[in-house]
PDB file of N, CA and C in Angstrom:
ATOM      1  N   UNK A   1       0.731  -1.317   0.025  1.00  0.00           N
ATOM      2  CA  UNK A   1      -0.230  -0.058   0.083  1.00  0.00           C
ATOM      3  C   UNK A   1       0.830   1.386  -0.037  1.00  0.00           C
ATOM      4  N   UNK A   2       2.084   1.496   1.228  1.00  0.00           N
ATOM      5  CA  UNK A   2       2.855   2.224   0.806  1.00  0.00           C
ATOM      6  C   UNK A   2       3.518   2.817  -0.694  1.00  0.00           C
ATOM      7  N   UNK A   3       3.957   1.580  -1.486  1.00  0.00           N
ATOM      8  CA  UNK A   3       4.065   2.289  -2.859  1.00  0.00           C
ATOM      9  C   UNK A   3       2.982   2.273  -3.600  1.00  0.00           C
ATOM     10  N   UNK A   4       1.864   1.859  -3.415  1.00  0.00           N
ATOM     11  CA  UNK A   4       0.465   3.262  -4.039  1.00  0.00           C
ATOM     12  C   UNK A   4       0.272   4.092  -3.966  1.00  0.00           C
ATOM     13  N   UNK A   5       0.834   4.815  -2.460  1.00  0.00           N
ATOM     14  CA  UNK A   5       0.615   6.015  -2.137  1.00  0.00           C
ATOM     15  C   UNK A   5       1.893   6.739  -2.260  1.00  0.00           C
ATOM     16  N   UNK A   6       2.923   6.163  -2.336  1.00  0.00           N
ATOM     17  CA  UNK A   6       4.482   7.096  -2.510  1.00  0.00           C
ATOM     18  C   UNK A   6       4.724   7.044  -4.404  1.00  0.00           C
ATOM     19  N   UNK A   7       3.144   6.896  -5.362  1.00  0.00           N
ATOM     20  CA  UNK A   7       3.366   7.224  -6.421  1.00  0.00           C
ATOM     21  C   UNK A   7       2.647   8.811  -6.673  1.00  0.00           C
ATOM     22  N   UNK A   8       2.343   9.641  -5.463  1.00  0.00           N
ATOM     23  CA  UNK A   8       1.125  10.759  -5.312  1.00  0.00           C
ATOM     24  C   UNK A   8       1.239  11.393  -6.879  1.00  0.00           C
ATOM     25  N   UNK A   9       2.307  11.688  -7.615  1.00  0.00           N
ATOM     26  CA  UNK A   9       2.859  12.526  -8.781  1.00  0.00           C
ATOM     27  C   UNK A   9       1.957  11.837  -9.697  1.00  0.00           C
ATOM     28  N   UNK A  10       2.110  10.863  -9.617  1.00  0.00           N
ATOM     29  CA  UNK A  10       1.157   9.687 -11.109  1.00  0.00           C
ATOM     30  C   UNK A  10      -0.573   9.872 -11.366  1.00  0.00           C
ATOM     31  N   UNK A  11      -0.518   9.614  -9.174  1.00  0.00           N
ATOM     32  CA  UNK A  11      -2.904  10.479  -8.705  1.00  0.00           C
ATOM     33  C   UNK A  11      -2.697  11.853  -9.304  1.00  0.00           C
ATOM     34  N   UNK A  12      -1.634  12.417  -9.618  1.00  0.00           N
ATOM     35  CA  UNK A  12      -1.967  13.810  -9.829  1.00  0.00           C
ATOM     36  C   UNK A  12      -2.135  13.450 -11.450  1.00  0.00           C
ATOM     37  N   UNK A  13      -1.700  13.239 -12.173  1.00  0.00           N
ATOM     38  CA  UNK A  13      -1.790  13.132 -13.432  1.00  0.00           C
ATOM     39  C   UNK A  13      -3.090  12.511 -13.573  1.00  0.00           C
ATOM     40  N   UNK A  14      -3.206  11.395 -13.151  1.00  0.00           N
ATOM     41  CA  UNK A  14      -4.604  10.690 -13.361  1.00  0.00           C
ATOM     42  C   UNK A  14      -5.286  11.160 -13.301  1.00  0.00           C
ATOM     43  N   UNK A  15      -5.524  12.405 -12.471  1.00  0.00           N
ATOM     44  CA  UNK A  15      -6.511  12.958 -11.652  1.00  0.00           C
ATOM     45  C   UNK A  15      -6.790  14.094 -12.931  1.00  0.00           C
ATOM     46  N   UNK A  16      -6.103  14.974 -12.859  1.00  0.00           N
ATOM     47  CA  UNK A  16      -5.569  15.922 -13.858  1.00  0.00           C
ATOM     48  C   UNK A  16      -6.804  15.669 -15.104  1.00  0.00           C
ATOM     49  N   UNK A  17      -5.785  14.555 -15.959  1.00  0.00           N
ATOM     50  CA  UNK A  17      -6.490  13.848 -16.831  1.00  0.00           C
ATOM     51  C   UNK A  17      -7.890  12.886 -17.147  1.00  0.00           C
ATOM     52  N   UNK A  18      -8.546  12.713 -16.112  1.00  0.00           N
ATOM     53  CA  UNK A  18      -9.499  12.511 -15.781  1.00  0.00           C
ATOM     54  C   UNK A  18     -10.461  13.772 -15.693  1.00  0.00           C
ATOM     55  N   UNK A  19     -10.076  14.998 -15.127  1.00  0.00           N
ATOM     56  CA  UNK A  19     -10.515  15.713 -14.724  1.00  0.00           C
ATOM     57  C   UNK A  19     -10.806  16.769 -16.054  1.00  0.00           C
ATOM     58  N   UNK A  20     -10.019  16.963 -16.590  1.00  0.00           N
ATOM     59  CA  UNK A  20     -10.139  17.003 -18.549  1.00  0.00           C
ATOM     60  C   UNK A  20     -10.701  16.945 -19.447  1.00  0.00           C
ATOM     61  N   UNK A  21     -11.285  15.067 -19.395  1.00  0.00           N
ATOM     62  CA  UNK A  21     -11.584  14.851 -20.538  1.00  0.00           C
ATOM     63  C   UNK A  21     -12.622  14.856 -19.851  1.00  0.00           C
ATOM     64  N   UNK A  22     -13.040  14.714 -18.700  1.00  0.00           N
ATOM     65  CA  UNK A  22     -14.498  14.835 -18.286  1.00  0.00           C
ATOM     66  C   UNK A  22     -15.250  16.413 -18.797  1.00  0.00           C
ATOM     67  N   UNK A  23     -14.292  17.178 -18.760  1.00  0.00           N
ATOM     68  CA  UNK A  23     -14.833  18.540 -18.973  1.00  0.00           C
ATOM     69  C   UNK A  23     -15.226  19.068 -20.697  1.00  0.00           C
ATOM     70  N   UNK A  24     -14.071  18.043 -21.073  1.00  0.00           N
ATOM     71  CA  UNK A  24     -14.502  17.938 -22.834  1.00  0.00           C
ATOM     72  C   UNK A  24     -15.683  17.273 -22.929  1.00  0.00           C
ATOM     73  N   UNK A  25     -16.022  16.001 -22.467  1.00  0.00           N
ATOM     74  CA  UNK A  25     -17.391  15.211 -23.018  1.00  0.00           C
ATOM     75  C   UNK A  25     -18.432  15.639 -22.470  1.00  0.00           C
ATOM     76  N   UNK A  26     -18.502  16.520 -20.994  1.00  0.00           N
ATOM     77  CA  UNK A  26     -19.890  16.648 -20.590  1.00  0.00           C
ATOM     78  C   UNK A  26     -20.262  17.960 -20.787  1.00  0.00           C
ATOM     79  N   UNK A  27     -19.125  18.660 -21.145  1.00  0.00           N
ATOM     80  CA  UNK A  27     -19.933  20.569 -21.611  1.00  0.00           C
ATOM     81  C   UNK A  27     -19.680  20.683 -23.074  1.00  0.00           C
ATOM     82  N   UNK A  28     -21.585  21.358 -23.099  1.00  0.00           N
ATOM     83  CA  UNK A  28     -21.569  22.437 -24.010  1.00  0.00           C
ATOM     84  C   UNK A  28     -21.121  23.358 -24.454  1.00  0.00           C
ATOM     85  N   UNK A  29     -20.579  24.119 -23.721  1.00  0.00           N
ATOM     86  CA  UNK A  29     -19.845  25.484 -23.784  1.00  0.00           C
ATOM     87  C   UNK A  29     -18.322  24.937 -24.632  1.00  0.00           C
ATOM     88  N   UNK A  30     -18.024  25.871 -25.473  1.00  0.00           N
ATOM     89  CA  UNK A  30     -16.870  25.506 -26.013  1.00  0.00           C
ATOM     90  C   UNK A  30     -16.154  25.793 -25.551  1.00  0.00           C
ATOM     91  N   UNK A  31     -15.956  27.444 -24.958  1.00  0.00           N
ATOM     92  CA  UNK A  31     -14.856  28.033 -23.843  1.00  0.00           C
ATOM     93  C   UNK A  31     -14.163  26.595 -22.975  1.00  0.00           C
ATOM     94  N   UNK A  32     -15.353  26.216 -22.193  1.00  0.00           N
ATOM     95  CA  UNK A  32     -15.332  25.469 -20.983  1.00  0.00           C
ATOM     96  C   UNK A  32     -14.560  24.189 -22.048  1.00  0.00           C
ATOM     97  N   UNK A  33     -15.282  23.680 -22.992  1.00  0.00           N
ATOM     98  CA  UNK A  33     -13.849  22.310 -23.585  1.00  0.00           C
ATOM     99  C   UNK A  33     -12.164  22.480 -24.249  1.00  0.00           C
ATOM    100  N   UNK A  34     -12.284  24.170 -24.494  1.00  0.00           N
ATOM    101  CA  UNK A  34     -10.844  24.422 -24.169  1.00  0.00           C
ATOM    102  C   UNK A  34      -9.742  24.380 -23.082  1.00  0.00           C
ATOM    103  N   UNK A  35     -10.596  24.750 -22.165  1.00  0.00           N
ATOM    104  CA  UNK A  35      -9.989  25.190 -20.135  1.00  0.00           C
ATOM    105  C   UNK A  35      -9.979  23.348 -20.505  1.00  0.00           C
ATOM    106  N   UNK A  36     -10.809  22.335 -20.620  1.00  0.00           N
ATOM    107  CA  UNK A  36     -10.633  20.926 -20.447  1.00  0.00           C
ATOM    108  C   UNK A  36      -9.598  20.455 -21.470  1.00  0.00           C
ATOM    109  N   UNK A  37      -9.601  21.136 -22.635  1.00  0.00           N
ATOM    110  CA  UNK A  37      -8.038  20.671 -22.973  1.00  0.00           C
ATOM    111  C   UNK A  37      -6.920  20.651 -22.848  1.00  0.00           C
ATOM    112  N   UNK A  38      -6.828  22.060 -22.326  1.00  0.00           N
ATOM    113  CA  UNK A  38      -5.923  22.528 -21.792  1.00  0.00           C
ATOM    114  C   UNK A  38      -5.644  21.693 -20.518  1.00  0.00           C
ATOM    115  N   UNK A  39      -6.455  21.773 -19.729  1.00  0.00           N
ATOM    116  CA  UNK A  39      -6.064  21.093 -18.604  1.00  0.00           C
ATOM    117  C   UNK A  39      -5.579  18.839 -18.568  1.00  0.00           C
ATOM    118  N   UNK A  40      -6.144  18.193 -19.803  1.00  0.00           N
ATOM    119  CA  UNK A  40      -5.550  18.010 -20.455  1.00  0.00           C
ATOM    120  C   UNK A  40      -4.363  17.935 -21.026  1.00  0.00           C
ATOM    121  N   UNK A  41      -4.167  18.501 -21.241  1.00  0.00           N
ATOM    122  CA  UNK A  41      -2.778  18.390 -21.943  1.00  0.00           C
ATOM    123  C   UNK A  41      -1.355  18.771 -21.159  1.00  0.00           C
ATOM    124  N   UNK A  42      -2.014  19.720 -19.556  1.00  0.00           N
ATOM    125  CA  UNK A  42      -1.187  19.904 -18.341  1.00  0.00           C
ATOM    126  C   UNK A  42      -0.527  18.549 -17.535  1.00  0.00           C
ATOM    127  N   UNK A  43      -1.829  17.290 -17.956  1.00  0.00           N
ATOM    128  CA  UNK A  43      -1.552  16.713 -17.282  1.00  0.00           C
ATOM    129  C   UNK A  43      -0.549  15.592 -18.006  1.00  0.00           C
ATOM    130  N   UNK A  44      -0.601  15.889 -19.230  1.00  0.00           N
ATOM    131  CA  UNK A  44       0.468  14.623 -20.173  1.00  0.00           C
ATOM    132  C   UNK A  44       1.661  15.559 -19.748  1.00  0.00           C
ATOM    133  N   UNK A  45       1.941  16.256 -19.998  1.00  0.00           N
ATOM    134  CA  UNK A  45       3.267  17.211 -19.670  1.00  0.00           C
ATOM    135  C   UNK A  45       4.003  16.804 -18.286  1.00  0.00           C
ATOM    136  N   UNK A  46       3.115  16.953 -17.033  1.00  0.00           N
ATOM    137  CA  UNK A  46       3.212  16.453 -16.204  1.00  0.00           C
ATOM    138  C   UNK A  46       3.717  15.031 -15.667  1.00  0.00           C
ATOM    139  N   UNK A  47       3.276  14.396 -16.457  1.00  0.00           N
ATOM    140  CA  UNK A  47       3.606  13.376 -17.137  1.00  0.00           C
ATOM    141  C   UNK A  47       4.826  12.999 -17.539  1.00  0.00           C
ATOM    142  N   UNK A  48       5.388  13.022 -18.551  1.00  0.00           N
ATOM    143  CA  UNK A  48       6.777  13.083 -18.833  1.00  0.00           C
ATOM    144  C   UNK A  48       7.781  13.837 -18.004  1.00  0.00           C
ATOM    145  N   UNK A  49       7.307  14.978 -17.179  1.00  0.00           N
ATOM    146  CA  UNK A  49       8.258  15.426 -16.267  1.00  0.00           C
ATOM    147  C   UNK A  49       8.478  14.457 -15.545  1.00  0.00           C
ATOM    148  N   UNK A  50       7.534  13.554 -14.948  1.00  0.00           N
ATOM    149  CA  UNK A  50       7.838  12.895 -13.564  1.00  0.00           C
ATOM    150  C   UNK A  50       8.871  11.938 -14.439  1.00  0.00           C
ATOM    151  N   UNK A  51       8.558  11.144 -15.757  1.00  0.00           N
ATOM    152  CA  UNK A  51       9.052   9.731 -16.202  1.00  0.00           C
ATOM    153  C   UNK A  51      10.618  10.239 -16.376  1.00  0.00           C
ATOM    154  N   UNK A  52      10.701  11.600 -16.845  1.00  0.00           N
ATOM    155  CA  UNK A  52      12.024  11.815 -17.046  1.00  0.00           C
ATOM    156  C   UNK A  52      13.074  12.303 -15.743  1.00  0.00           C
ATOM    157  N   UNK A  53      12.806  12.638 -14.552  1.00  0.00           N
ATOM    158  CA  UNK A  53      13.182  12.861 -13.384  1.00  0.00           C
ATOM    159  C   UNK A  53      13.985  11.381 -12.982  1.00  0.00           C
ATOM    160  N   UNK A  54      15.244  11.315 -12.676  1.00  0.00           N
ATOM    161  CA  UNK A  54      15.433  10.465 -11.880  1.00  0.00           C
ATOM    162  C   UNK A  54      16.019  10.620 -10.404  1.00  0.00           C
ATOM    163  N   UNK A  55      15.601   9.641  -9.445  1.00  0.00           N
ATOM    164  CA  UNK A  55      15.998  10.141  -7.897  1.00  0.00           C
ATOM    165  C   UNK A  55      17.354   9.999  -7.697  1.00  0.00           C
ATOM    166  N   UNK A  56      18.380  11.176  -7.500  1.00  0.00           N
ATOM    167  CA  UNK A  56      19.291  10.951  -7.504  1.00  0.00           C
ATOM    168  C   UNK A  56      20.375  11.563  -8.424  1.00  0.00           C
ATOM    169  N   UNK A  57      19.548  12.156  -9.244  1.00  0.00           N
ATOM    170  CA  UNK A  57      20.618  12.220 -10.459  1.00  0.00           C
ATOM    171  C   UNK A  57      20.767  13.830 -10.408  1.00  0.00           C
ATOM    172  N   UNK A  58      21.350  14.124 -11.334  1.00  0.00           N
ATOM    173  CA  UNK A  58      21.977  15.730 -11.562  1.00  0.00           C
ATOM    174  C   UNK A  58      21.870  16.316 -13.083  1.00  0.00           C
ATOM    175  N   UNK A  59      22.146  17.247 -12.882  1.00  0.00           N
ATOM    176  CA  UNK A  59      22.082  17.811 -14.561  1.00  0.00           C
ATOM    177  C   UNK A  59      23.031  17.040 -15.484  1.00  0.00           C
ATOM    178  N   UNK A  60      22.881  16.803 -16.245  1.00  0.00           N
ATOM    179  CA  UNK A  60      23.691  16.011 -18.092  1.00  0.00           C
ATOM    180  C   UNK A  60      24.945  16.838 -17.772  1.00  0.00           C
ATOM    181  N   UNK A  61      25.933  17.104 -16.649  1.00  0.00           N
ATOM    182  CA  UNK A  61      26.840  18.425 -16.820  1.00  0.00           C
ATOM    183  C   UNK A  61      27.949  17.002 -16.265  1.00  0.00           C
ATOM    184  N   UNK A  62      29.233  16.495 -16.767  1.00  0.00           N
ATOM    185  CA  UNK A  62      29.947  15.753 -16.440  1.00  0.00           C
ATOM    186  C   UNK A  62      30.833  16.086 -15.190  1.00  0.00           C
ATOM    187  N   UNK A  63      31.033  15.909 -14.404  1.00  0.00           N
ATOM    188  CA  UNK A  63      31.843  16.352 -13.317  1.00  0.00           C
ATOM    189  C   UNK A  63      32.373  15.439 -12.238  1.00  0.00           C
ATOM    190  N   UNK A  64      32.670  15.370 -11.480  1.00  0.00           N
ATOM    191  CA  UNK A  64      33.985  14.956 -10.652  1.00  0.00           C
ATOM    192  C   UNK A  64      32.652  14.881  -9.760  1.00  0.00           C
ATOM    193  N   UNK A  65      32.593  13.320  -9.245  1.00  0.00           N
ATOM    194  CA  UNK A  65      31.549  12.764  -7.703  1.00  0.00           C
ATOM    195  C   UNK A  65      30.433  12.638  -8.439  1.00  0.00           C
ATOM    196  N   UNK A  66      29.836  12.482  -9.494  1.00  0.00           N
ATOM    197  CA  UNK A  66      28.991  12.288  -9.528  1.00  0.00           C
ATOM    198  C   UNK A  66      28.514  11.412 -10.932  1.00  0.00           C
ATOM    199  N   UNK A  67      27.682  10.397 -11.024  1.00  0.00           N
ATOM    200  CA  UNK A  67      27.506   9.248 -11.583  1.00  0.00           C
ATOM    201  C   UNK A  67      26.066   8.897 -12.289  1.00  0.00           C
ATOM    202  N   UNK A  68      25.097   9.301 -11.901  1.00  0.00           N
ATOM    203  CA  UNK A  68      23.712   9.144 -12.290  1.00  0.00           C
ATOM    204  C   UNK A  68      23.468  10.472 -12.478  1.00  0.00           C
ATOM    205  N   UNK A  69      22.681  10.776 -13.653  1.00  0.00           N
ATOM    206  CA  UNK A  69      22.469  11.694 -14.693  1.00  0.00           C
ATOM    207  C   UNK A  69      21.263  12.167 -14.631  1.00  0.00           C
ATOM    208  N   UNK A  70      20.182  12.995 -14.974  1.00  0.00           N
ATOM    209  CA  UNK A  70      18.743  12.485 -15.027  1.00  0.00           C
ATOM    210  C   UNK A  70      18.902  13.212 -17.085  1.00  0.00           C
ATOM    211  N   UNK A  71      17.863  12.936 -17.348  1.00  0.00           N
ATOM    212  CA  UNK A  71      17.830  12.908 -19.018  1.00  0.00           C
ATOM    213  C   UNK A  71      16.998  14.115 -19.276  1.00  0.00           C
ATOM    214  N   UNK A  72      17.600  14.953 -19.643  1.00  0.00           N
ATOM    215  CA  UNK A  72      17.238  16.276 -20.034  1.00  0.00           C
ATOM    216  C   UNK A  72      16.100  16.615 -21.519  1.00  0.00           C
ATOM    217  N   UNK A  73      15.713  15.414 -22.355  1.00  0.00           N
ATOM    218  CA  UNK A  73      14.901  15.420 -23.556  1.00  0.00           C
ATOM    219  C   UNK A  73      13.850  15.230 -22.984  1.00  0.00           C
ATOM    220  N   UNK A  74      12.684  14.898 -22.181  1.00  0.00           N
ATOM    221  CA  UNK A  74      11.485  15.164 -21.730  1.00  0.00           C
ATOM    222  C   UNK A  74      11.742  16.660 -21.773  1.00  0.00           C
ATOM    223  N   UNK A  75      11.984  17.288 -20.552  1.00  0.00           N
ATOM    224  CA  UNK A  75      12.313  19.051 -20.232  1.00  0.00           C
ATOM    225  C   UNK A  75      12.370  19.474 -21.379  1.00  0.00           C
ATOM    226  N   UNK A  76      12.895  18.644 -22.163  1.00  0.00           N
ATOM    227  CA  UNK A  76      12.888  19.905 -24.068  1.00  0.00           C
ATOM    228  C   UNK A  76      11.721  19.770 -24.291  1.00  0.00           C
ATOM    229  N   UNK A  77      10.996  18.207 -24.700  1.00  0.00           N
ATOM    230  CA  UNK A  77      10.203  18.347 -25.533  1.00  0.00           C
ATOM    231  C   UNK A  77       9.252  18.786 -24.878  1.00  0.00           C
ATOM    232  N   UNK A  78       8.729  18.429 -23.443  1.00  0.00           N
ATOM    233  CA  UNK A  78       7.993  19.269 -22.462  1.00  0.00           C
ATOM    234  C   UNK A  78       7.675  20.705 -22.988  1.00  0.00           C
ATOM    235  N   UNK A  79       9.024  21.755 -23.529  1.00  0.00           N
ATOM    236  CA  UNK A  79       8.805  22.672 -23.263  1.00  0.00           C
ATOM    237  C   UNK A  79       8.623  23.061 -24.961  1.00  0.00           C
ATOM    238  N   UNK A  80       8.629  22.407 -25.495  1.00  0.00           N
ATOM    239  CA  UNK A  80       7.995  22.430 -27.351  1.00  0.00           C
ATOM    240  C   UNK A  80       6.673  22.441 -26.608  1.00  0.00           C
ATOM    241  N   UNK A  81       6.033  21.459 -26.201  1.00  0.00           N
ATOM    242  CA  UNK A  81       4.612  21.702 -26.490  1.00  0.00           C
ATOM    243  C   UNK A  81       3.705  21.999 -25.590  1.00  0.00           C
ATOM    244  N   UNK A  82       4.676  23.518 -24.618  1.00  0.00           N
ATOM    245  CA  UNK A  82       4.122  23.725 -24.023  1.00  0.00           C
ATOM    246  C   UNK A  82       3.919  25.179 -25.092  1.00  0.00           C
ATOM    247  N   UNK A  83       4.210  25.335 -26.000  1.00  0.00           N
ATOM    248  CA  UNK A  83       4.697  26.391 -26.859  1.00  0.00           C
ATOM    249  C   UNK A  83       3.392  25.865 -27.810  1.00  0.00           C
ATOM    250  N   UNK A  84       3.294  24.734 -27.912  1.00  0.00           N
ATOM    251  CA  UNK A  84       2.316  23.670 -29.342  1.00  0.00           C
ATOM    252  C   UNK A  84       1.508  24.527 -28.572  1.00  0.00           C
ATOM    253  N   UNK A  85       1.117  23.670 -27.210  1.00  0.00           N
ATOM    254  CA  UNK A  85      -0.237  23.912 -26.677  1.00  0.00           C
ATOM    255  C   UNK A  85      -0.780  25.117 -26.256  1.00  0.00           C
ATOM    256  N   UNK A  86       0.126  26.423 -25.880  1.00  0.00           N
ATOM    257  CA  UNK A  86      -0.641  27.938 -25.827  1.00  0.00           C
ATOM    258  C   UNK A  86      -1.307  28.770 -27.263  1.00  0.00           C
ATOM    259  N   UNK A  87      -0.342  27.825 -28.285  1.00  0.00           N
ATOM    260  CA  UNK A  87      -0.381  28.674 -29.659  1.00  0.00           C
ATOM    261  C   UNK A  87      -1.434  28.095 -30.064  1.00  0.00           C
ATOM    262  N   UNK A  88      -2.127  26.716 -29.621  1.00  0.00           N
ATOM    263  CA  UNK A  88      -3.146  25.518 -30.446  1.00  0.00           C
ATOM    264  C   UNK A  88      -4.069  26.595 -29.500  1.00  0.00           C
ATOM    265  N   UNK A  89      -3.984  26.464 -28.597  1.00  0.00           N
ATOM    266  CA  UNK A  89      -5.337  27.269 -27.554  1.00  0.00           C
ATOM    267  C   UNK A  89      -5.777  28.739 -28.096  1.00  0.00           C
ATOM    268  N   UNK A  90      -4.905  29.282 -28.448  1.00  0.00           N
ATOM    269  CA  UNK A  90      -5.182  30.699 -28.188  1.00  0.00           C
ATOM    270  C   UNK A  90      -5.880  30.672 -29.811  1.00  0.00           C
ATOM    271  N   UNK A  91      -5.344  29.782 -31.029  1.00  0.00           N
ATOM    272  CA  UNK A  91      -6.581  29.392 -32.388  1.00  0.00           C
ATOM    273  C   UNK A  91      -7.945  28.907 -31.869  1.00  0.00           C
ATOM    274  N   UNK A  92      -7.909  28.025 -30.585  1.00  0.00           N
ATOM    275  CA  UNK A  92      -9.323  27.463 -30.642  1.00  0.00           C
ATOM    276  C   UNK A  92     -10.400  28.639 -30.038  1.00  0.00           C
ATOM    277  N   UNK A  93      -9.134  29.526 -29.445  1.00  0.00           N
ATOM    278  CA  UNK A  93     -10.476  30.818 -28.457  1.00  0.00           C
ATOM    279  C   UNK A  93     -10.850  31.825 -29.572  1.00  0.00           C
ATOM    280  N   UNK A  94      -9.980  32.062 -30.501  1.00  0.00           N
ATOM    281  CA  UNK A  94     -10.158  32.731 -32.264  1.00  0.00           C
ATOM    282  C   UNK A  94     -11.027  31.825 -33.228  1.00  0.00           C
ATOM    283  N   UNK A  95     -11.318  31.043 -32.444  1.00  0.00           N
ATOM    284  CA  UNK A  95     -11.801  30.260 -33.444  1.00  0.00           C
ATOM    285  C   UNK A  95     -13.683  30.377 -32.905  1.00  0.00           C
ATOM    286  N   UNK A  96     -13.515  30.167 -31.321  1.00  0.00           N
ATOM    287  CA  UNK A  96     -14.550  30.178 -30.877  1.00  0.00           C
ATOM    288  C   UNK A  96     -14.792  31.427 -31.243  1.00  0.00           C
ATOM    289  N   UNK A  97     -14.437  33.010 -30.384  1.00  0.00           N
ATOM    290  CA  UNK A  97     -14.644  34.698 -31.212  1.00  0.00           C
ATOM    291  C   UNK A  97     -15.589  34.020 -32.377  1.00  0.00           C
ATOM    292  N   UNK A  98     -14.970  33.926 -33.271  1.00  0.00           N
ATOM    293  CA  UNK A  98     -15.303  34.089 -34.588  1.00  0.00           C
ATOM    294  C   UNK A  98     -16.789  33.165 -34.688  1.00  0.00           C
ATOM    295  N   UNK A  99     -16.631  32.135 -34.075  1.00  0.00           N
ATOM    296  CA  UNK A  99     -18.267  31.064 -34.247  1.00  0.00           C
ATOM    297  C   UNK A  99     -19.300  32.276 -33.238  1.00  0.00           C
ATOM    298  N   UNK A 100     -18.611  32.693 -31.955  1.00  0.00           N
ATOM    299  CA  UNK A 100     -19.894  33.737 -31.632  1.00  0.00           C
ATOM    300  C   UNK A 100     -20.457  35.025 -32.242  1.00  0.00           C
ATOM    301  N   UNK A 101     -19.262  35.607 -33.289  1.00  0.00           N
ATOM    302  CA  UNK A 101     -19.787  36.548 -34.034  1.00  0.00           C
ATOM    303  C   UNK A 101     -20.786  35.754 -35.326  1.00  0.00           C
ATOM    304  N   UNK A 102     -20.977  34.905 -35.832  1.00  0.00           N
ATOM    305  CA  UNK A 102     -21.289  34.004 -36.035  1.00  0.00           C
ATOM    306  C   UNK A 102     -22.489  33.408 -36.423  1.00  0.00           C
ATOM    307  N   UNK A 103     -23.186  32.663 -34.746  1.00  0.00           N
ATOM    308  CA  UNK A 103     -24.117  32.088 -34.471  1.00  0.00           C
ATOM    309  C   UNK A 103     -24.585  32.850 -33.354  1.00  0.00           C
ATOM    310  N   UNK A 104     -23.794  34.261 -32.530  1.00  0.00           N
ATOM    311  CA  UNK A 104     -24.045  34.776 -30.889  1.00  0.00           C
ATOM    312  C   UNK A 104     -24.423  33.856 -29.510  1.00  0.00           C
ATOM    313  N   UNK A 105     -23.989  32.648 -30.097  1.00  0.00           N
ATOM    314  CA  UNK A 105     -23.702  32.027 -28.955  1.00  0.00           C
ATOM    315  C   UNK A 105     -22.603  30.598 -29.210  1.00  0.00           C
ATOM    316  N   UNK A 106     -21.900  30.235 -28.181  1.00  0.00           N
ATOM    317  CA  UNK A 106     -20.627  29.537 -27.851  1.00  0.00           C
ATOM    318  C   UNK A 106     -21.560  27.943 -27.277  1.00  0.00           C
ATOM    319  N   UNK A 107     -22.742  27.836 -27.735  1.00  0.00           N
ATOM    320  CA  UNK A 107     -23.413  26.790 -26.690  1.00  0.00           C
ATOM    321  C   UNK A 107     -23.327  25.487 -28.100  1.00  0.00           C
ATOM    322  N   UNK A 108     -22.453  24.503 -27.767  1.00  0.00           N
ATOM    323  CA  UNK A 108     -22.943  23.456 -29.230  1.00  0.00           C
ATOM    324  C   UNK A 108     -24.600  23.256 -29.684  1.00  0.00           C
ATOM    325  N   UNK A 109     -24.877  22.548 -28.291  1.00  0.00           N
ATOM    326  CA  UNK A 109     -26.502  22.386 -28.912  1.00  0.00           C
ATOM    327  C   UNK A 109     -27.317  23.560 -29.760  1.00  0.00           C
ATOM    328  N   UNK A 110     -27.408  25.081 -29.375  1.00  0.00           N
ATOM    329  CA  UNK A 110     -28.128  26.102 -30.072  1.00  0.00           C
ATOM    330  C   UNK A 110     -27.203  26.864 -31.570  1.00  0.00           C
ATOM    331  N   UNK A 111     -25.811  25.745 -31.947  1.00  0.00           N
ATOM    332  CA  UNK A 111     -25.227  26.080 -32.657  1.00  0.00           C
ATOM    333  C   UNK A 111     -25.486  24.795 -33.876  1.00  0.00           C
ATOM    334  N   UNK A 112     -25.811  24.284 -32.931  1.00  0.00           N
ATOM    335  CA  UNK A 112     -26.831  22.873 -34.153  1.00  0.00           C
ATOM    336  C   UNK A 112     -27.694  22.843 -34.835  1.00  0.00           C
ATOM    337  N   UNK A 113     -28.950  23.547 -33.063  1.00  0.00           N
ATOM    338  CA  UNK A 113     -30.205  23.562 -33.845  1.00  0.00           C
ATOM    339  C   UNK A 113     -30.352  25.187 -35.275  1.00  0.00           C
ATOM    340  N   UNK A 114     -29.121  25.960 -35.312  1.00  0.00           N
ATOM    341  CA  UNK A 114     -29.292  27.296 -35.848  1.00  0.00           C
ATOM    342  C   UNK A 114     -28.769  26.404 -37.655  1.00  0.00           C
ATOM    343  N   UNK A 115     -28.212  25.190 -37.127  1.00  0.00           N
ATOM    344  CA  UNK A 115     -27.360  25.074 -38.580  1.00  0.00           C
ATOM    345  C   UNK A 115     -28.739  24.302 -39.350  1.00  0.00           C
ATOM    346  N   UNK A 116     -29.349  23.701 -38.517  1.00  0.00           N
ATOM    347  CA  UNK A 116     -30.463  22.295 -39.444  1.00  0.00           C
ATOM    348  C   UNK A 116     -31.820  23.498 -39.714  1.00  0.00           C
TER     349      UNK A 116
END
């Protein structure tokens, strides 16, 4: 049982992932869906950062007295993913603004009714 509780960062990742997924599935408001996707994306970032950390590891700079090094690749990939995520969220919010101008609503049900 102590092993399961010791992996609290994975529990946080699972909680954030399921929260974001629930928001995307259950909400009909487009802005809430974009927020849910951002929460889901944040959980994936945390997962990759958690995987990249080595207990007792140091920065990958060769020096005397250090034998265990952490892999810097996950952190570099996450920095790139954060930039892409912010750009994607801004494009999604810009599309929501255009949808609001065209349909006068951001609720999915009302948009579908107007299209019929």
